[in-house]
């Protein structure tokens, strides 16, 4: 049965994340956007225990459940989605680390622990990257959210491949959103994969978890936009009463709130189903991601409109959240990839998906 109440340990984790978001990330979000993240921020994030939430316990990680991680990521993305994306490193590789040989997994984990600022990113290369040999790939990724990724996990249809950064040619690109995370165009020219898997079940399960992670971040961005819009419209008066007390703005704020609650519940449900290996969990993850994308794009756009002309000024953060939401919606294949996967697994057959996640691996 789905439970909304948090265990004491889970509540402590979420409260710690909320404090870190409010006191560290939110006050510096403009600085991070302009200058990137300082090395000490990665160290502080690691000291709080958030850097290895998805790392198996047999490798010294905390391996927090996905249903708890989505709560943490929503709080962090509420403060700064770009910084949250950059701070996540090993978390992107949770299912992969469980499936890799121990020596390979320990190499990746050791690098992340020695150099917390090293970036690990994911990208969907189904349409851009092709396998040209047993372990070699070629292709062009127009954008990944890191200036110089140390490790890159690529999905190519039903195949997963992990590359070291030194086997890639990266060119820095300017980004409209998520500037704190950076951005680069990545070219593979016969690049050799450090690890790869042809297991379609592992690929589907890994990408479902990534989508749920992104969905929680999108909900956090949408929530930030709503809260700021409420504060602004309840303190600014038009025709003798607050803007929020007029019918059209009030209806817009109410719709934003409903969409956020719906997207949050969909994300929680998807996380719980995937965590418990429930039938149909892969399709549920794709649905939750699509719901969160539509929610974030609508809420951030309407927040800008509710502020009027001020919404487009850097004096207010809603314009940043609108850009961040748009950039988040493009990561890891975006809406098109998720919609395609929904069609593959059967839009109406939640209980009979084409693929099922692998059995849970004992730590």
Protein backbone atom coordinates (compact mmCIF):
# COMPACT_ATOMS: atom_id res chain seq x y z
CA UNK A 1 0.00 0.00 0.00
CA UNK A 2 1.27 3.45 -0.89
CA UNK A 3 2.12 5.45 2.23
CA UNK A 4 2.35 9.25 2.32
CA UNK A 5 3.83 9.43 5.81
CA UNK A 6 7.62 9.51 6.07
CA UNK A 7 9.65 7.39 8.43
CA UNK A 8 11.71 9.39 10.97
CA UNK A 9 14.93 8.65 9.08
CA UNK A 10 13.37 9.75 5.78
CA UNK A 11 12.07 12.95 7.34
CA UNK A 12 15.55 13.75 8.66
CA UNK A 13 17.02 13.25 5.18
CA UNK A 14 14.42 15.51 3.55
CA UNK A 15 14.80 18.18 6.24
CA UNK A 16 18.57 18.16 5.73
CA UNK A 17 18.10 18.57 1.98
CA UNK A 18 15.61 21.40 2.51
CA UNK A 19 18.00 23.25 4.81
CA UNK A 20 20.89 22.84 2.37
CA UNK A 21 18.68 24.07 -0.47
CA UNK A 22 17.41 27.14 1.37
CA UNK A 23 20.65 28.20 3.03
CA UNK A 24 23.28 27.25 0.44
CA UNK A 25 21.87 26.71 -3.04
CA UNK A 26 19.06 29.29 -3.33
CA UNK A 27 21.07 32.34 -2.13
CA UNK A 28 23.84 31.57 -4.67
CA UNK A 29 21.79 30.46 -7.67
CA UNK A 30 22.68 33.52 -9.76
CA UNK A 31 26.35 33.15 -8.87
CA UNK A 32 26.28 29.49 -9.88
CA UNK A 33 24.60 30.38 -13.16
CA UNK A 34 27.33 32.86 -14.06
CA UNK A 35 30.44 31.20 -12.62
CA UNK A 36 29.61 27.53 -12.22
CA UNK A 37 29.88 25.52 -9.02
CA UNK A 38 32.90 25.89 -6.74
CA UNK A 39 34.78 22.75 -5.70
CA UNK A 40 33.89 23.27 -2.04
CA UNK A 41 30.18 22.94 -2.85
CA UNK A 42 30.74 19.41 -4.18
CA UNK A 43 32.63 18.56 -0.99
CA UNK A 44 29.85 19.97 1.19
CA UNK A 45 27.25 18.00 -0.76
CA UNK A 46 29.28 14.82 -0.24
CA UNK A 47 29.72 15.50 3.47
CA UNK A 48 25.94 15.63 3.86
CA UNK A 49 25.74 12.11 2.44
CA UNK A 50 23.82 12.98 -0.73
CA UNK A 51 26.56 12.20 -3.26
CA UNK A 52 26.11 8.41 -3.08
CA UNK A 53 22.37 8.00 -2.57
CA UNK A 54 22.18 5.44 -5.39
CA UNK A 55 25.52 3.69 -4.80
CA UNK A 56 25.13 0.08 -3.56
CA UNK A 57 26.01 -0.47 0.08
CA UNK A 58 28.55 -3.13 -0.85
CA UNK A 59 30.63 -0.32 -2.37
CA UNK A 60 30.22 1.92 0.67
CA UNK A 61 27.25 3.91 -0.63
CA UNK A 62 24.07 4.78 1.24
CA UNK A 63 21.70 3.30 -1.41
CA UNK A 64 18.69 5.35 -0.33
CA UNK A 65 15.43 4.18 -1.86
CA UNK A 66 14.23 5.90 -5.02
CA UNK A 67 11.03 7.05 -3.32
CA UNK A 68 13.15 8.99 -0.80
CA UNK A 69 15.59 10.31 -3.39
CA UNK A 70 12.82 11.98 -5.36
CA UNK A 71 11.88 13.97 -2.25
CA UNK A 72 15.48 15.11 -1.81
CA UNK A 73 15.87 16.08 -5.46
CA UNK A 74 12.64 18.09 -5.46
CA UNK A 75 13.94 20.17 -2.56
CA UNK A 76 17.32 20.73 -4.23
CA UNK A 77 15.83 21.59 -7.63
CA UNK A 78 13.48 24.04 -5.92
CA UNK A 79 16.61 26.00 -5.03
CA UNK A 80 18.74 25.53 -8.16
CA UNK A 81 18.07 22.92 -10.83
CA UNK A 82 21.37 23.50 -12.61
CA UNK A 83 23.39 23.00 -9.45
CA UNK A 84 21.33 19.93 -8.54
CA UNK A 85 22.05 18.43 -11.94
CA UNK A 86 25.78 19.10 -11.53
CA UNK A 87 25.95 17.73 -7.99
CA UNK A 88 24.45 14.41 -9.03
CA UNK A 89 27.19 12.19 -10.31
CA UNK A 90 27.07 8.58 -9.21
CA UNK A 91 23.31 8.84 -8.74
CA UNK A 92 22.84 8.61 -12.50
CA UNK A 93 24.55 5.22 -12.52
CA UNK A 94 22.68 3.42 -9.74
CA UNK A 95 21.36 0.39 -11.71
CA UNK A 96 24.49 0.35 -13.87
CA UNK A 97 26.81 0.10 -10.85
CA UNK A 98 24.83 -2.91 -9.63
CA UNK A 99 25.29 -4.67 -12.97
CA UNK A 100 28.93 -3.79 -13.67
CA UNK A 101 31.83 -6.00 -12.70
CA UNK A 102 33.14 -5.03 -9.28
CA UNK A 103 36.47 -3.79 -10.61
CA UNK A 104 34.76 -1.47 -13.13
CA UNK A 105 32.28 -0.13 -10.60
CA UNK A 106 35.03 0.54 -8.07
CA UNK A 107 37.00 2.48 -10.67
CA UNK A 108 34.09 4.85 -11.32
CA UNK A 109 33.26 5.22 -7.63
CA UNK A 110 36.89 5.81 -6.62
CA UNK A 111 37.22 8.55 -9.23
CA UNK A 112 34.07 10.28 -7.96
CA UNK A 113 35.26 10.10 -4.37
CA UNK A 114 38.74 11.38 -5.16
CA UNK A 115 37.48 14.19 -7.40
CA UNK A 116 33.93 15.15 -6.31
CA UNK A 117 33.83 17.88 -8.94
CA UNK A 118 34.16 15.36 -11.79
CA UNK A 119 30.91 15.18 -13.74
CA UNK A 120 28.98 12.07 -14.75
CA UNK A 121 26.18 12.69 -17.23
CA UNK A 122 23.67 10.72 -19.29
CA UNK A 123 22.44 11.21 -22.84
CA UNK A 124 20.10 9.48 -25.24
CA UNK A 125 22.05 8.81 -28.41
CA UNK A 126 19.52 6.54 -30.10
CA UNK A 127 19.27 8.82 -33.14
CA UNK A 128 22.82 10.24 -33.07
CA UNK A 129 25.23 7.49 -31.97
CA UNK A 130 25.85 4.17 -33.71
CA UNK A 131 27.91 1.09 -32.88
CA UNK A 132 30.62 0.61 -35.53
CA UNK A 133 32.48 -2.28 -33.93
CA UNK A 134 32.30 -4.59 -30.98
CA UNK A 135 33.03 -1.79 -28.50
CA UNK A 136 33.47 1.33 -30.65
CA UNK A 137 30.93 4.06 -31.32
CA UNK A 138 30.67 7.09 -33.53
CA UNK A 139 28.21 9.97 -33.49
CA UNK A 140 27.45 13.51 -32.38
CA UNK A 141 25.53 14.64 -29.30
CA UNK A 142 24.52 18.31 -29.75
CA UNK A 143 24.19 18.94 -26.00
CA UNK A 144 25.03 17.30 -22.70
CA UNK A 145 24.69 19.21 -19.39
CA UNK A 146 28.40 19.37 -18.54
CA UNK A 147 31.31 21.36 -19.91
CA UNK A 148 33.82 18.53 -19.65
CA UNK A 149 32.20 15.27 -18.50
CA UNK A 150 34.49 12.73 -16.87
CA UNK A 151 32.09 9.86 -17.58
CA UNK A 152 29.25 9.72 -20.10
CA UNK A 153 26.47 7.11 -20.10
CA UNK A 154 24.77 6.82 -23.49
CA UNK A 155 21.62 4.95 -24.40
CA UNK A 156 21.57 3.65 -27.97
CA UNK A 157 18.17 2.08 -28.50
CA UNK A 158 18.35 -1.00 -26.22
CA UNK A 159 22.08 -0.74 -25.52
CA UNK A 160 23.90 1.12 -22.74
CA UNK A 161 27.51 2.28 -23.04
CA UNK A 162 29.72 4.10 -20.54
CA UNK A 163 32.62 6.20 -21.86
CA UNK A 164 35.54 7.90 -20.18
CA UNK A 165 35.73 11.62 -20.88
CA UNK A 166 39.20 11.38 -22.41
CA UNK A 167 37.81 9.24 -25.26
CA UNK A 168 35.39 12.00 -26.28
CA UNK A 169 35.81 15.32 -28.07
CA UNK A 170 33.90 17.97 -26.14
CA UNK A 171 33.25 21.54 -27.26
CA UNK A 172 31.74 23.99 -24.80
CA UNK A 173 28.39 25.47 -25.85
CA UNK A 174 26.30 28.28 -24.40
CA UNK A 175 23.03 27.14 -22.89
CA UNK A 176 19.76 28.96 -22.28
CA UNK A 177 19.03 27.03 -19.09
CA UNK A 178 20.84 24.95 -16.47
CA UNK A 179 23.89 27.17 -16.93
CA UNK A 180 25.27 26.16 -13.54
CA UNK A 181 25.76 22.64 -14.90
CA UNK A 182 27.51 23.85 -18.05
CA UNK A 183 27.04 22.47 -21.52
CA UNK A 184 29.03 20.81 -24.29
CA UNK A 185 28.69 19.24 -27.69
CA UNK A 186 30.15 15.74 -27.64
CA UNK A 187 31.61 14.00 -30.67
CA UNK A 188 32.46 10.29 -30.70
CA UNK A 189 34.96 9.27 -33.35
CA UNK A 190 35.37 5.55 -32.97
CA UNK A 191 35.35 6.03 -29.21
CA UNK A 192 35.77 2.83 -27.21
CA UNK A 193 33.24 2.16 -24.48
CA UNK A 194 34.70 1.48 -21.04
CA UNK A 195 31.65 -0.68 -20.31
CA UNK A 196 28.58 -1.65 -22.28
CA UNK A 197 25.50 -3.81 -21.92
CA UNK A 198 23.19 -5.32 -24.51
CA UNK A 199 20.60 -6.17 -21.85
CA UNK A 200 17.44 -4.36 -22.95
CA UNK A 201 15.87 -4.89 -19.53
CA UNK A 202 18.74 -3.11 -17.79
CA UNK A 203 18.54 -0.28 -20.32
CA UNK A 204 14.80 0.16 -19.81
CA UNK A 205 15.10 0.04 -16.02
CA UNK A 206 18.02 2.50 -15.94
CA UNK A 207 16.23 5.00 -18.16
CA UNK A 208 13.03 4.69 -16.15
CA UNK A 209 14.95 5.64 -13.01
CA UNK A 210 16.60 8.57 -14.80
CA UNK A 211 13.20 9.82 -15.96
CA UNK A 212 11.80 9.67 -12.44
CA UNK A 213 14.82 11.61 -11.21
CA UNK A 214 14.25 14.31 -13.83
CA UNK A 215 10.52 14.36 -13.04
CA UNK A 216 11.20 15.14 -9.39
CA UNK A 217 13.49 17.99 -10.40
CA UNK A 218 10.86 19.39 -12.75
CA UNK A 219 8.32 19.33 -9.92
CA UNK A 220 10.77 21.25 -7.73
CA UNK A 221 11.24 23.94 -10.38
CA UNK A 222 7.48 24.25 -10.89
CA UNK A 223 6.93 24.55 -7.14
CA UNK A 224 9.52 27.32 -6.88
CA UNK A 225 7.78 29.25 -9.66
CA UNK A 226 4.37 28.87 -8.01
CA UNK A 227 5.57 29.99 -4.58
CA UNK A 228 7.27 33.06 -6.02
CA UNK A 229 4.22 33.94 -8.12
CA UNK A 230 1.97 33.68 -5.05
CA UNK A 231 4.24 35.93 -3.00
CA UNK A 232 4.37 38.51 -5.80
CA UNK A 233 0.67 38.55 -6.66
CA UNK A 234 -0.48 38.73 -3.04
CA UNK A 235 1.70 41.74 -2.22
CA UNK A 236 1.19 43.78 -5.42
CA UNK A 237 -2.10 45.71 -5.63
CA UNK A 238 -4.14 46.49 -8.75
CA UNK A 239 -7.48 48.33 -8.64
CA UNK A 240 -7.41 48.41 -4.87
CA UNK A 241 -6.76 44.73 -4.14
CA UNK A 242 -3.96 42.17 -4.57
CA UNK A 243 -3.39 40.79 -8.05
CA UNK A 244 -4.05 37.27 -6.75
CA UNK A 245 -7.56 38.28 -5.65
CA UNK A 246 -8.64 38.93 -9.23
CA UNK A 247 -10.37 36.05 -10.97
CA UNK A 248 -8.00 35.27 -13.86
CA UNK A 249 -4.76 35.29 -11.80
CA UNK A 250 -6.48 33.32 -9.03
CA UNK A 251 -7.62 30.64 -11.47
CA UNK A 252 -4.13 30.46 -12.97
CA UNK A 253 -2.52 30.00 -9.56
CA UNK A 254 -5.06 27.31 -8.67
CA UNK A 255 -4.39 25.45 -11.91
CA UNK A 256 -0.65 25.64 -11.30
CA UNK A 257 -1.13 24.15 -7.84
CA UNK A 258 -3.29 21.31 -9.18
CA UNK A 259 -0.78 20.44 -11.90
CA UNK A 260 2.08 20.39 -9.39
CA UNK A 261 0.21 18.10 -7.01
CA UNK A 262 -0.72 15.78 -9.88
CA UNK A 263 2.85 15.64 -11.20
CA UNK A 264 4.25 15.08 -7.71
CA UNK A 265 1.87 12.21 -6.99
CA UNK A 266 2.61 10.66 -10.38
CA UNK A 267 6.33 10.86 -9.63
CA UNK A 268 5.94 9.36 -6.17
CA UNK A 269 3.78 6.55 -7.54
CA UNK A 270 6.25 5.81 -10.34
CA UNK A 271 9.18 5.78 -7.91
CA UNK A 272 7.40 3.40 -5.55
CA UNK A 273 6.31 1.04 -8.33
CA UNK A 274 9.80 0.94 -9.82
CA UNK A 275 11.33 0.42 -6.39
CA UNK A 276 9.04 -2.54 -5.70
CA UNK A 277 9.47 -3.97 -9.24
CA UNK A 278 5.74 -3.73 -9.88
CA UNK A 279 4.38 -4.75 -13.31
CA UNK A 280 3.96 -1.74 -15.57
CA UNK A 281 6.52 0.32 -13.67
CA UNK A 282 8.41 1.27 -16.83
CA UNK A 283 5.34 2.75 -18.50
CA UNK A 284 4.41 4.50 -15.25
CA UNK A 285 7.84 6.15 -15.13
CA UNK A 286 7.44 7.47 -18.67
CA UNK A 287 3.95 8.79 -17.88
CA UNK A 288 5.20 10.52 -14.72
CA UNK A 289 8.02 12.17 -16.64
CA UNK A 290 5.65 13.45 -19.33
CA UNK A 291 3.29 14.77 -16.65
CA UNK A 292 6.13 16.58 -14.87
CA UNK A 293 7.41 18.13 -18.11
CA UNK A 294 4.00 19.57 -19.01
CA UNK A 295 3.55 20.80 -15.44
CA UNK A 296 6.92 22.56 -15.25
CA UNK A 297 6.64 24.18 -18.67
CA UNK A 298 3.17 25.51 -17.87
CA UNK A 299 3.89 26.69 -14.33
CA UNK A 300 7.13 28.50 -15.12
CA UNK A 301 5.64 30.18 -18.18
CA UNK A 302 2.57 31.33 -16.27
CA UNK A 303 4.71 32.56 -13.37
CA UNK A 304 6.53 34.85 -15.79
CA UNK A 305 3.19 36.09 -17.14
CA UNK A 306 1.79 36.73 -13.66
CA UNK A 307 4.70 39.04 -12.94
CA UNK A 308 3.96 40.97 -16.12
CA UNK A 309 6.94 42.74 -17.65
CA UNK A 310 8.91 42.16 -14.45
CA UNK A 311 8.84 38.43 -15.11
CA UNK A 312 11.35 38.77 -17.93
CA UNK A 313 13.86 40.73 -15.83
CA UNK A 314 16.76 39.10 -14.02
CA UNK A 315 15.62 40.95 -10.91
CA UNK A 316 13.20 38.06 -10.44
CA UNK A 317 14.16 34.36 -10.70
CA UNK A 318 11.05 33.20 -12.57
CA UNK A 319 12.72 33.80 -15.93
CA UNK A 320 15.57 31.51 -14.87
CA UNK A 321 13.16 28.79 -13.80
CA UNK A 322 11.39 29.02 -17.16
CA UNK A 323 14.70 28.50 -18.94
CA UNK A 324 15.72 25.69 -16.60
CA UNK A 325 12.41 23.87 -17.08
CA UNK A 326 12.77 24.04 -20.84
CA UNK A 327 16.33 22.69 -20.68
CA UNK A 328 15.35 19.88 -18.29
CA UNK A 329 12.59 18.82 -20.67
CA UNK A 330 15.21 18.16 -23.37
CA UNK A 331 17.55 15.92 -21.38
CA UNK A 332 17.93 12.18 -21.96
CA UNK A 333 15.71 12.08 -25.01
CA UNK A 334 13.07 14.46 -23.68
CA UNK A 335 9.36 14.15 -24.31
CA UNK A 336 9.70 12.51 -27.71
CA UNK A 337 11.74 9.60 -26.36
CA UNK A 338 9.36 9.09 -23.43
CA UNK A 339 6.33 9.16 -25.71
CA UNK A 340 7.97 6.64 -28.04
CA UNK A 341 8.64 4.31 -25.12
CA UNK A 342 5.04 4.61 -23.99
CA UNK A 343 3.94 3.51 -27.45
CA UNK A 344 6.36 0.57 -27.35
CA UNK A 345 5.17 -0.64 -23.95
CA UNK A 346 1.50 -0.11 -24.76
CA UNK A 347 -0.33 3.07 -23.81
CA UNK A 348 -3.27 1.20 -22.31
CA UNK A 349 -1.50 -1.88 -20.92
CA UNK A 350 0.02 -0.69 -17.67
CA UNK A 351 0.02 -4.20 -16.24
CA UNK A 352 1.50 -5.90 -19.31
CA UNK A 353 4.60 -3.94 -20.40
CA UNK A 354 6.94 -5.23 -23.07
CA UNK A 355 9.85 -5.12 -20.62
CA UNK A 356 10.18 -5.62 -16.90
CA UNK A 357 12.95 -4.39 -14.60
CA UNK A 358 15.58 -6.89 -13.52
CA UNK A 359 15.23 -8.57 -10.14
CA UNK A 360 16.55 -6.64 -7.17
CA UNK A 361 20.24 -7.23 -6.53
CA UNK A 362 21.20 -8.00 -2.98
CA UNK A 363 23.70 -5.50 -1.56
